[in-house]
Amino acid sequence: MGGQVSASNSFSRLHCRNANEDWMSALCPRLWDVPLHHLSIPGSHDTMTYCLNKKSPISHEESRLLQLLNKALPCITRPVVLKWSVTQ
């Protein structure tokens, strides 16, 4: 019990991981022209990004250039950063 993993369980996880490495090649043809950021991809890294929106502040840890762009053009900067953030 606990943290032990059997050899067969380990193999199953490895097999599942490798089975999905080329998932885009099996994508339905009608989705080929859909931008990647419009697809719902199970297991993607969107964890905790559900609370972000266009009014979310830009982190003070970002570059000075991004900070300046955010002050000058927030209506452009924030939507771009939002799209980038929820797809990481």
PDB file of N, CA and C in Angstrom:
ATOM      1  N   MET A   1       0.834  -1.179   0.000  1.00  0.00           N
ATOM      2  CA  MET A   1       0.000   0.000   0.000  1.00  0.00           C
ATOM      3  C   MET A   1       0.881   1.244   0.000  1.00  0.00           C
ATOM      4  N   GLY A   2       0.350   2.414   0.256  1.00  0.00           N
ATOM      5  CA  GLY A   2       1.161   3.617   0.340  1.00  0.00           C
ATOM      6  C   GLY A   2       1.696   4.061  -0.994  1.00  0.00           C
ATOM      7  N   GLY A   3       3.013   4.331  -1.040  1.00  0.00           N
ATOM      8  CA  GLY A   3       3.626   4.878  -2.236  1.00  0.00           C
ATOM      9  C   GLY A   3       4.195   3.851  -3.185  1.00  0.00           C
ATOM     10  N   GLN A   4       3.953   2.561  -2.923  1.00  0.00           N
ATOM     11  CA  GLN A   4       4.524   1.537  -3.785  1.00  0.00           C
ATOM     12  C   GLN A   4       3.726   1.400  -5.075  1.00  0.00           C
ATOM     13  N   VAL A   5       4.441   1.190  -6.179  1.00  0.00           N
ATOM     14  CA  VAL A   5       3.818   1.014  -7.483  1.00  0.00           C
ATOM     15  C   VAL A   5       4.277  -0.312  -8.038  1.00  0.00           C
ATOM     16  N   SER A   6       3.328  -1.132  -8.459  1.00  0.00           N
ATOM     17  CA  SER A   6       3.703  -2.426  -9.026  1.00  0.00           C
ATOM     18  C   SER A   6       4.268  -2.228 -10.421  1.00  0.00           C
ATOM     19  N   ALA A   7       5.001  -3.219 -10.905  1.00  0.00           N
ATOM     20  CA  ALA A   7       5.589  -3.141 -12.243  1.00  0.00           C
ATOM     21  C   ALA A   7       4.508  -3.024 -13.302  1.00  0.00           C
ATOM     22  N   SER A   8       3.393  -3.746 -13.143  1.00  0.00           N
ATOM     23  CA  SER A   8       2.325  -3.680 -14.149  1.00  0.00           C
ATOM     24  C   SER A   8       1.648  -2.317 -14.139  1.00  0.00           C
ATOM     25  N   ASN A   9       1.460  -1.720 -12.962  1.00  0.00           N
ATOM     26  CA  ASN A   9       0.870  -0.394 -12.860  1.00  0.00           C
ATOM     27  C   ASN A   9       1.792   0.640 -13.487  1.00  0.00           C
ATOM     28  N   SER A  10       3.078   0.512 -13.250  1.00  0.00           N
ATOM     29  CA  SER A  10       4.059   1.417 -13.833  1.00  0.00           C
ATOM     30  C   SER A  10       4.040   1.302 -15.355  1.00  0.00           C
ATOM     31  N   PHE A  11       3.943   0.071 -15.872  1.00  0.00           N
ATOM     32  CA  PHE A  11       3.878  -0.146 -17.313  1.00  0.00           C
ATOM     33  C   PHE A  11       2.627   0.498 -17.901  1.00  0.00           C
ATOM     34  N   SER A  12       1.486   0.375 -17.204  1.00  0.00           N
ATOM     35  CA  SER A  12       0.232   0.955 -17.691  1.00  0.00           C
ATOM     36  C   SER A  12       0.344   2.463 -17.825  1.00  0.00           C
ATOM     37  N   ARG A  13       0.943   3.112 -16.822  1.00  0.00           N
ATOM     38  CA  ARG A  13       1.104   4.564 -16.893  1.00  0.00           C
ATOM     39  C   ARG A  13       2.026   4.959 -18.028  1.00  0.00           C
ATOM     40  N   LEU A  14       3.104   4.213 -18.201  1.00  0.00           N
ATOM     41  CA  LEU A  14       4.039   4.499 -19.282  1.00  0.00           C
ATOM     42  C   LEU A  14       3.362   4.301 -20.627  1.00  0.00           C
ATOM     43  N   HIS A  15       2.582   3.233 -20.779  1.00  0.00           N
ATOM     44  CA  HIS A  15       1.888   2.952 -22.028  1.00  0.00           C
ATOM     45  C   HIS A  15       0.882   4.062 -22.338  1.00  0.00           C
ATOM     46  N   CYS A  16       0.108   4.498 -21.353  1.00  0.00           N
ATOM     47  CA  CYS A  16      -0.869   5.565 -21.568  1.00  0.00           C
ATOM     48  C   CYS A  16      -0.184   6.855 -21.985  1.00  0.00           C
ATOM     49  N   ARG A  17       0.935   7.164 -21.365  1.00  0.00           N
ATOM     50  CA  ARG A  17       1.659   8.385 -21.693  1.00  0.00           C
ATOM     51  C   ARG A  17       2.134   8.343 -23.141  1.00  0.00           C
ATOM     52  N   ASN A  18       2.697   7.226 -23.557  1.00  0.00           N
ATOM     53  CA  ASN A  18       3.204   7.102 -24.922  1.00  0.00           C
ATOM     54  C   ASN A  18       2.086   6.986 -25.945  1.00  0.00           C
ATOM     55  N   ALA A  19       0.942   6.436 -25.559  1.00  0.00           N
ATOM     56  CA  ALA A  19      -0.171   6.269 -26.486  1.00  0.00           C
ATOM     57  C   ALA A  19      -0.730   7.613 -26.926  1.00  0.00           C
ATOM     58  N   ASN A  20      -0.554   8.646 -26.136  1.00  0.00           N
ATOM     59  CA  ASN A  20      -1.115   9.955 -26.459  1.00  0.00           C
ATOM     60  C   ASN A  20      -0.085  10.939 -26.994  1.00  0.00           C
ATOM     61  N   GLU A  21       1.136  10.496 -27.231  1.00  0.00           N
ATOM     62  CA  GLU A  21       2.166  11.451 -27.646  1.00  0.00           C
ATOM     63  C   GLU A  21       1.905  12.034 -29.029  1.00  0.00           C
ATOM     64  N   ASP A  22       1.116  11.352 -29.874  1.00  0.00           N
ATOM     65  CA  ASP A  22       0.805  11.896 -31.199  1.00  0.00           C
ATOM     66  C   ASP A  22      -0.706  12.072 -31.369  1.00  0.00           C
ATOM     67  N   TRP A  23      -1.368  12.532 -30.315  1.00  0.00           N
ATOM     68  CA  TRP A  23      -2.813  12.681 -30.320  1.00  0.00           C
ATOM     69  C   TRP A  23      -3.311  13.605 -31.422  1.00  0.00           C
ATOM     70  N   MET A  24      -2.508  14.583 -31.824  1.00  0.00           N
ATOM     71  CA  MET A  24      -2.967  15.507 -32.868  1.00  0.00           C
ATOM     72  C   MET A  24      -3.099  14.821 -34.223  1.00  0.00           C
ATOM     73  N   SER A  25      -2.364  13.754 -34.460  1.00  0.00           N
ATOM     74  CA  SER A  25      -2.475  13.051 -35.737  1.00  0.00           C
ATOM     75  C   SER A  25      -3.813  12.328 -35.852  1.00  0.00           C
ATOM     76  N   ALA A  26      -4.479  12.078 -34.733  1.00  0.00           N
ATOM     77  CA  ALA A  26      -5.777  11.411 -34.739  1.00  0.00           C
ATOM     78  C   ALA A  26      -6.929  12.403 -34.566  1.00  0.00           C
ATOM     79  N   LEU A  27      -6.632  13.686 -34.643  1.00  0.00           N
ATOM     80  CA  LEU A  27      -7.641  14.721 -34.458  1.00  0.00           C
ATOM     81  C   LEU A  27      -8.648  14.694 -35.601  1.00  0.00           C
ATOM     82  N   CYS A  28      -9.897  14.872 -35.280  1.00  0.00           N
ATOM     83  CA  CYS A  28     -10.969  14.906 -36.274  1.00  0.00           C
ATOM     84  C   CYS A  28     -10.665  15.996 -37.312  1.00  0.00           C
ATOM     85  N   PRO A  29     -10.783  15.698 -38.617  1.00  0.00           N
ATOM     86  CA  PRO A  29     -10.439  16.671 -39.667  1.00  0.00           C
ATOM     87  C   PRO A  29     -11.147  18.019 -39.543  1.00  0.00           C
ATOM     88  N   ARG A  30     -12.375  18.052 -39.019  1.00  0.00           N
ATOM     89  CA  ARG A  30     -13.066  19.342 -38.911  1.00  0.00           C
ATOM     90  C   ARG A  30     -12.426  20.255 -37.862  1.00  0.00           C
ATOM     91  N   LEU A  31     -11.536  19.704 -37.022  1.00  0.00           N
ATOM     92  CA  LEU A  31     -10.852  20.507 -36.006  1.00  0.00           C
ATOM     93  C   LEU A  31      -9.456  20.947 -36.435  1.00  0.00           C
ATOM     94  N   TRP A  32      -9.011  20.531 -37.605  1.00  0.00           N
ATOM     95  CA  TRP A  32      -7.651  20.847 -38.054  1.00  0.00           C
ATOM     96  C   TRP A  32      -7.387  22.343 -38.145  1.00  0.00           C
ATOM     97  N   ASP A  33      -8.383  23.127 -38.502  1.00  0.00           N
ATOM     98  CA  ASP A  33      -8.181  24.568 -38.670  1.00  0.00           C
ATOM     99  C   ASP A  33      -8.582  25.383 -37.446  1.00  0.00           C
ATOM    100  N   VAL A  34      -8.965  24.706 -36.378  1.00  0.00           N
ATOM    101  CA  VAL A  34      -9.315  25.399 -35.133  1.00  0.00           C
ATOM    102  C   VAL A  34      -8.022  25.757 -34.409  1.00  0.00           C
ATOM    103  N   PRO A  35      -7.853  27.028 -34.012  1.00  0.00           N
ATOM    104  CA  PRO A  35      -6.635  27.398 -33.278  1.00  0.00           C
ATOM    105  C   PRO A  35      -6.481  26.550 -32.017  1.00  0.00           C
ATOM    106  N   LEU A  36      -5.260  26.204 -31.721  1.00  0.00           N
ATOM    107  CA  LEU A  36      -4.969  25.329 -30.590  1.00  0.00           C
ATOM    108  C   LEU A  36      -5.531  25.879 -29.281  1.00  0.00           C
ATOM    109  N   HIS A  37      -5.504  27.203 -29.102  1.00  0.00           N
ATOM    110  CA  HIS A  37      -5.998  27.762 -27.839  1.00  0.00           C
ATOM    111  C   HIS A  37      -7.526  27.692 -27.728  1.00  0.00           C
ATOM    112  N   HIS A  38      -8.218  27.242 -28.768  1.00  0.00           N
ATOM    113  CA  HIS A  38      -9.669  27.055 -28.710  1.00  0.00           C
ATOM    114  C   HIS A  38     -10.049  25.608 -28.412  1.00  0.00           C
ATOM    115  N   LEU A  39      -9.084  24.709 -28.404  1.00  0.00           N
ATOM    116  CA  LEU A  39      -9.353  23.301 -28.128  1.00  0.00           C
ATOM    117  C   LEU A  39      -9.260  23.023 -26.628  1.00  0.00           C
ATOM    118  N   SER A  40     -10.139  22.176 -26.150  1.00  0.00           N
ATOM    119  CA  SER A  40     -10.055  21.706 -24.761  1.00  0.00           C
ATOM    120  C   SER A  40      -9.201  20.456 -24.762  1.00  0.00           C
ATOM    121  N   ILE A  41      -8.070  20.529 -24.116  1.00  0.00           N
ATOM    122  CA  ILE A  41      -7.118  19.427 -24.130  1.00  0.00           C
ATOM    123  C   ILE A  41      -7.005  18.858 -22.720  1.00  0.00           C
ATOM    124  N   PRO A  42      -7.544  17.650 -22.508  1.00  0.00           N
ATOM    125  CA  PRO A  42      -7.459  17.044 -21.176  1.00  0.00           C
ATOM    126  C   PRO A  42      -6.008  16.912 -20.714  1.00  0.00           C
ATOM    127  N   GLY A  43      -5.779  17.255 -19.471  1.00  0.00           N
ATOM    128  CA  GLY A  43      -4.438  17.129 -18.912  1.00  0.00           C
ATOM    129  C   GLY A  43      -3.524  18.290 -19.239  1.00  0.00           C
ATOM    130  N   SER A  44      -4.071  19.338 -19.858  1.00  0.00           N
ATOM    131  CA  SER A  44      -3.212  20.481 -20.174  1.00  0.00           C
ATOM    132  C   SER A  44      -2.940  21.287 -18.908  1.00  0.00           C
ATOM    133  N   HIS A  45      -2.118  22.277 -19.009  1.00  0.00           N
ATOM    134  CA  HIS A  45      -1.602  22.993 -17.841  1.00  0.00           C
ATOM    135  C   HIS A  45      -2.447  24.192 -17.418  1.00  0.00           C
ATOM    136  N   ASP A  46      -3.751  24.145 -17.632  1.00  0.00           N
ATOM    137  CA  ASP A  46      -4.595  25.291 -17.312  1.00  0.00           C
ATOM    138  C   ASP A  46      -4.987  25.368 -15.841  1.00  0.00           C
ATOM    139  N   THR A  47      -4.370  24.577 -15.016  1.00  0.00           N
ATOM    140  CA  THR A  47      -4.707  24.542 -13.606  1.00  0.00           C
ATOM    141  C   THR A  47      -4.638  25.934 -12.990  1.00  0.00           C
ATOM    142  N   MET A  48      -5.682  26.290 -12.287  1.00  0.00           N
ATOM    143  CA  MET A  48      -5.786  27.557 -11.550  1.00  0.00           C
ATOM    144  C   MET A  48      -5.835  28.796 -12.437  1.00  0.00           C
ATOM    145  N   THR A  49      -6.052  28.661 -13.731  1.00  0.00           N
ATOM    146  CA  THR A  49      -6.169  29.842 -14.586  1.00  0.00           C
ATOM    147  C   THR A  49      -7.624  30.231 -14.801  1.00  0.00           C
ATOM    148  N   TYR A  50      -8.561  29.475 -14.230  1.00  0.00           N
ATOM    149  CA  TYR A  50      -9.978  29.775 -14.394  1.00  0.00           C
ATOM    150  C   TYR A  50     -10.353  31.116 -13.776  1.00  0.00           C
ATOM    151  N   CYS A  51      -9.550  31.634 -12.866  1.00  0.00           N
ATOM    152  CA  CYS A  51      -9.869  32.891 -12.198  1.00  0.00           C
ATOM    153  C   CYS A  51      -9.266  34.106 -12.913  1.00  0.00           C
ATOM    154  N   LEU A  52      -8.484  33.887 -13.968  1.00  0.00           N
ATOM    155  CA  LEU A  52      -7.895  35.009 -14.704  1.00  0.00           C
ATOM    156  C   LEU A  52      -8.912  35.605 -15.666  1.00  0.00           C
ATOM    157  N   ASN A  53      -8.823  36.920 -15.867  1.00  0.00           N
ATOM    158  CA  ASN A  53      -9.642  37.590 -16.870  1.00  0.00           C
ATOM    159  C   ASN A  53      -8.875  38.798 -17.397  1.00  0.00           C
ATOM    160  N   LYS A  54      -9.485  39.556 -18.295  1.00  0.00           N
ATOM    161  CA  LYS A  54      -8.793  40.686 -18.919  1.00  0.00           C
ATOM    162  C   LYS A  54      -8.467  41.803 -17.933  1.00  0.00           C
ATOM    163  N   LYS A  55      -9.079  41.787 -16.767  1.00  0.00           N
ATOM    164  CA  LYS A  55      -8.798  42.813 -15.754  1.00  0.00           C
ATOM    165  C   LYS A  55      -7.730  42.368 -14.758  1.00  0.00           C
ATOM    166  N   SER A  56      -7.285  41.123 -14.873  1.00  0.00           N
ATOM    167  CA  SER A  56      -6.251  40.623 -13.961  1.00  0.00           C
ATOM    168  C   SER A  56      -4.966  41.424 -14.150  1.00  0.00           C
ATOM    169  N   PRO A  57      -4.320  41.807 -13.054  1.00  0.00           N
ATOM    170  CA  PRO A  57      -3.099  42.608 -13.174  1.00  0.00           C
ATOM    171  C   PRO A  57      -1.929  41.800 -13.732  1.00  0.00           C
ATOM    172  N   ILE A  58      -1.020  42.513 -14.358  1.00  0.00           N
ATOM    173  CA  ILE A  58       0.227  41.913 -14.835  1.00  0.00           C
ATOM    174  C   ILE A  58       1.162  41.830 -13.626  1.00  0.00           C
ATOM    175  N   SER A  59       1.819  40.715 -13.469  1.00  0.00           N
ATOM    176  CA  SER A  59       2.717  40.522 -12.336  1.00  0.00           C
ATOM    177  C   SER A  59       3.837  41.563 -12.340  1.00  0.00           C
ATOM    178  N   HIS A  60       4.204  42.022 -11.150  1.00  0.00           N
ATOM    179  CA  HIS A  60       5.312  42.972 -11.014  1.00  0.00           C
ATOM    180  C   HIS A  60       6.656  42.313 -11.294  1.00  0.00           C
ATOM    181  N   GLU A  61       6.660  40.992 -11.393  1.00  0.00           N
ATOM    182  CA  GLU A  61       7.891  40.264 -11.696  1.00  0.00           C
ATOM    183  C   GLU A  61       8.164  40.187 -13.198  1.00  0.00           C
ATOM    184  N   GLU A  62       7.227  40.653 -14.006  1.00  0.00           N
ATOM    185  CA  GLU A  62       7.425  40.632 -15.461  1.00  0.00           C
ATOM    186  C   GLU A  62       8.420  41.714 -15.875  1.00  0.00           C
ATOM    187  N   SER A  63       8.854  41.641 -17.113  1.00  0.00           N
ATOM    188  CA  SER A  63       9.871  42.569 -17.619  1.00  0.00           C
ATOM    189  C   SER A  63       9.377  44.016 -17.586  1.00  0.00           C
ATOM    190  N   ARG A  64      10.312  44.927 -17.575  1.00  0.00           N
ATOM    191  CA  ARG A  64       9.960  46.355 -17.586  1.00  0.00           C
ATOM    192  C   ARG A  64       9.213  46.721 -18.855  1.00  0.00           C
ATOM    193  N   LEU A  65       9.589  46.088 -19.970  1.00  0.00           N
ATOM    194  CA  LEU A  65       8.908  46.358 -21.239  1.00  0.00           C
ATOM    195  C   LEU A  65       7.432  45.977 -21.141  1.00  0.00           C
ATOM    196  N   LEU A  66       7.150  44.811 -20.604  1.00  0.00           N
ATOM    197  CA  LEU A  66       5.756  44.386 -20.459  1.00  0.00           C
ATOM    198  C   LEU A  66       5.017  45.301 -19.489  1.00  0.00           C
ATOM    199  N   GLN A  67       5.668  45.729 -18.420  1.00  0.00           N
ATOM    200  CA  GLN A  67       5.053  46.663 -17.474  1.00  0.00           C
ATOM    201  C   GLN A  67       4.704  47.983 -18.165  1.00  0.00           C
ATOM    202  N   LEU A  68       5.625  48.475 -18.991  1.00  0.00           N
ATOM    203  CA  LEU A  68       5.389  49.722 -19.720  1.00  0.00           C
ATOM    204  C   LEU A  68       4.243  49.566 -20.711  1.00  0.00           C
ATOM    205  N   LEU A  69       4.249  48.465 -21.466  1.00  0.00           N
ATOM    206  CA  LEU A  69       3.160  48.212 -22.414  1.00  0.00           C
ATOM    207  C   LEU A  69       1.822  48.110 -21.696  1.00  0.00           C
ATOM    208  N   ASN A  70       1.824  47.493 -20.537  1.00  0.00           N
ATOM    209  CA  ASN A  70       0.594  47.365 -19.766  1.00  0.00           C
ATOM    210  C   ASN A  70       0.077  48.730 -19.315  1.00  0.00           C
ATOM    211  N   LYS A  71       0.973  49.625 -18.951  1.00  0.00           N
ATOM    212  CA  LYS A  71       0.541  50.964 -18.536  1.00  0.00           C
ATOM    213  C   LYS A  71       0.050  51.783 -19.717  1.00  0.00           C
ATOM    214  N   ALA A  72       0.719  51.649 -20.868  1.00  0.00           N
ATOM    215  CA  ALA A  72       0.370  52.445 -22.039  1.00  0.00           C
ATOM    216  C   ALA A  72      -0.824  51.872 -22.809  1.00  0.00           C
ATOM    217  N   LEU A  73      -0.870  50.541 -22.937  1.00  0.00           N
ATOM    218  CA  LEU A  73      -1.892  49.905 -23.769  1.00  0.00           C
ATOM    219  C   LEU A  73      -2.517  48.682 -23.083  1.00  0.00           C
ATOM    220  N   PRO A  74      -3.144  48.876 -21.932  1.00  0.00           N
ATOM    221  CA  PRO A  74      -3.697  47.711 -21.231  1.00  0.00           C
ATOM    222  C   PRO A  74      -4.769  46.974 -22.032  1.00  0.00           C
ATOM    223  N   CYS A  75      -5.478  47.702 -22.902  1.00  0.00           N
ATOM    224  CA  CYS A  75      -6.536  47.061 -23.693  1.00  0.00           C
ATOM    225  C   CYS A  75      -5.967  46.079 -24.718  1.00  0.00           C
ATOM    226  N   ILE A  76      -4.686  46.180 -25.014  1.00  0.00           N
ATOM    227  CA  ILE A  76      -4.024  45.243 -25.927  1.00  0.00           C
ATOM    228  C   ILE A  76      -3.193  44.238 -25.132  1.00  0.00           C
ATOM    229  N   THR A  77      -2.432  44.736 -24.182  1.00  0.00           N
ATOM    230  CA  THR A  77      -1.506  43.892 -23.427  1.00  0.00           C
ATOM    231  C   THR A  77      -2.214  42.807 -22.626  1.00  0.00           C
ATOM    232  N   ARG A  78      -3.224  43.174 -21.877  1.00  0.00           N
ATOM    233  CA  ARG A  78      -3.861  42.201 -20.980  1.00  0.00           C
ATOM    234  C   ARG A  78      -4.556  41.052 -21.719  1.00  0.00           C
ATOM    235  N   PRO A  79      -5.293  41.291 -22.812  1.00  0.00           N
ATOM    236  CA  PRO A  79      -5.859  40.145 -23.538  1.00  0.00           C
ATOM    237  C   PRO A  79      -4.790  39.198 -24.097  1.00  0.00           C
ATOM    238  N   VAL A  80      -3.668  39.754 -24.550  1.00  0.00           N
ATOM    239  CA  VAL A  80      -2.588  38.911 -25.070  1.00  0.00           C
ATOM    240  C   VAL A  80      -1.980  38.083 -23.941  1.00  0.00           C
ATOM    241  N   VAL A  81      -1.708  38.721 -22.816  1.00  0.00           N
ATOM    242  CA  VAL A  81      -1.134  38.014 -21.668  1.00  0.00           C
ATOM    243  C   VAL A  81      -2.129  36.974 -21.145  1.00  0.00           C
ATOM    244  N   LEU A  82      -3.413  37.297 -21.162  1.00  0.00           N
ATOM    245  CA  LEU A  82      -4.431  36.347 -20.716  1.00  0.00           C
ATOM    246  C   LEU A  82      -4.411  35.090 -21.580  1.00  0.00           C
ATOM    247  N   LYS A  83      -4.406  35.265 -22.904  1.00  0.00           N
ATOM    248  CA  LYS A  83      -4.364  34.101 -23.797  1.00  0.00           C
ATOM    249  C   LYS A  83      -3.107  33.277 -23.550  1.00  0.00           C
ATOM    250  N   TRP A  84      -1.983  33.941 -23.383  1.00  0.00           N
ATOM    251  CA  TRP A  84      -0.722  33.236 -23.138  1.00  0.00           C
ATOM    252  C   TRP A  84      -0.774  32.498 -21.800  1.00  0.00           C
ATOM    253  N   SER A  85      -1.336  33.140 -20.792  1.00  0.00           N
ATOM    254  CA  SER A  85      -1.350  32.562 -19.444  1.00  0.00           C
ATOM    255  C   SER A  85      -2.196  31.307 -19.348  1.00  0.00           C
ATOM    256  N   VAL A  86      -3.367  31.296 -19.967  1.00  0.00           N
ATOM    257  CA  VAL A  86      -4.253  30.142 -19.825  1.00  0.00           C
ATOM    258  C   VAL A  86      -3.857  28.984 -20.728  1.00  0.00           C
ATOM    259  N   THR A  87      -2.866  29.154 -21.566  1.00  0.00           N
ATOM    260  CA  THR A  87      -2.412  28.044 -22.408  1.00  0.00           C
ATOM    261  C   THR A  87      -1.068  27.517 -21.967  1.00  0.00           C
ATOM    262  N   GLN A  88      -0.560  27.985 -20.832  1.00  0.00           N
ATOM    263  CA  GLN A  88       0.743  27.521 -20.356  1.00  0.00           C
ATOM    264  C   GLN A  88       0.608  26.372 -19.424  1.00  0.00           C
TER     265      GLN A  88
END
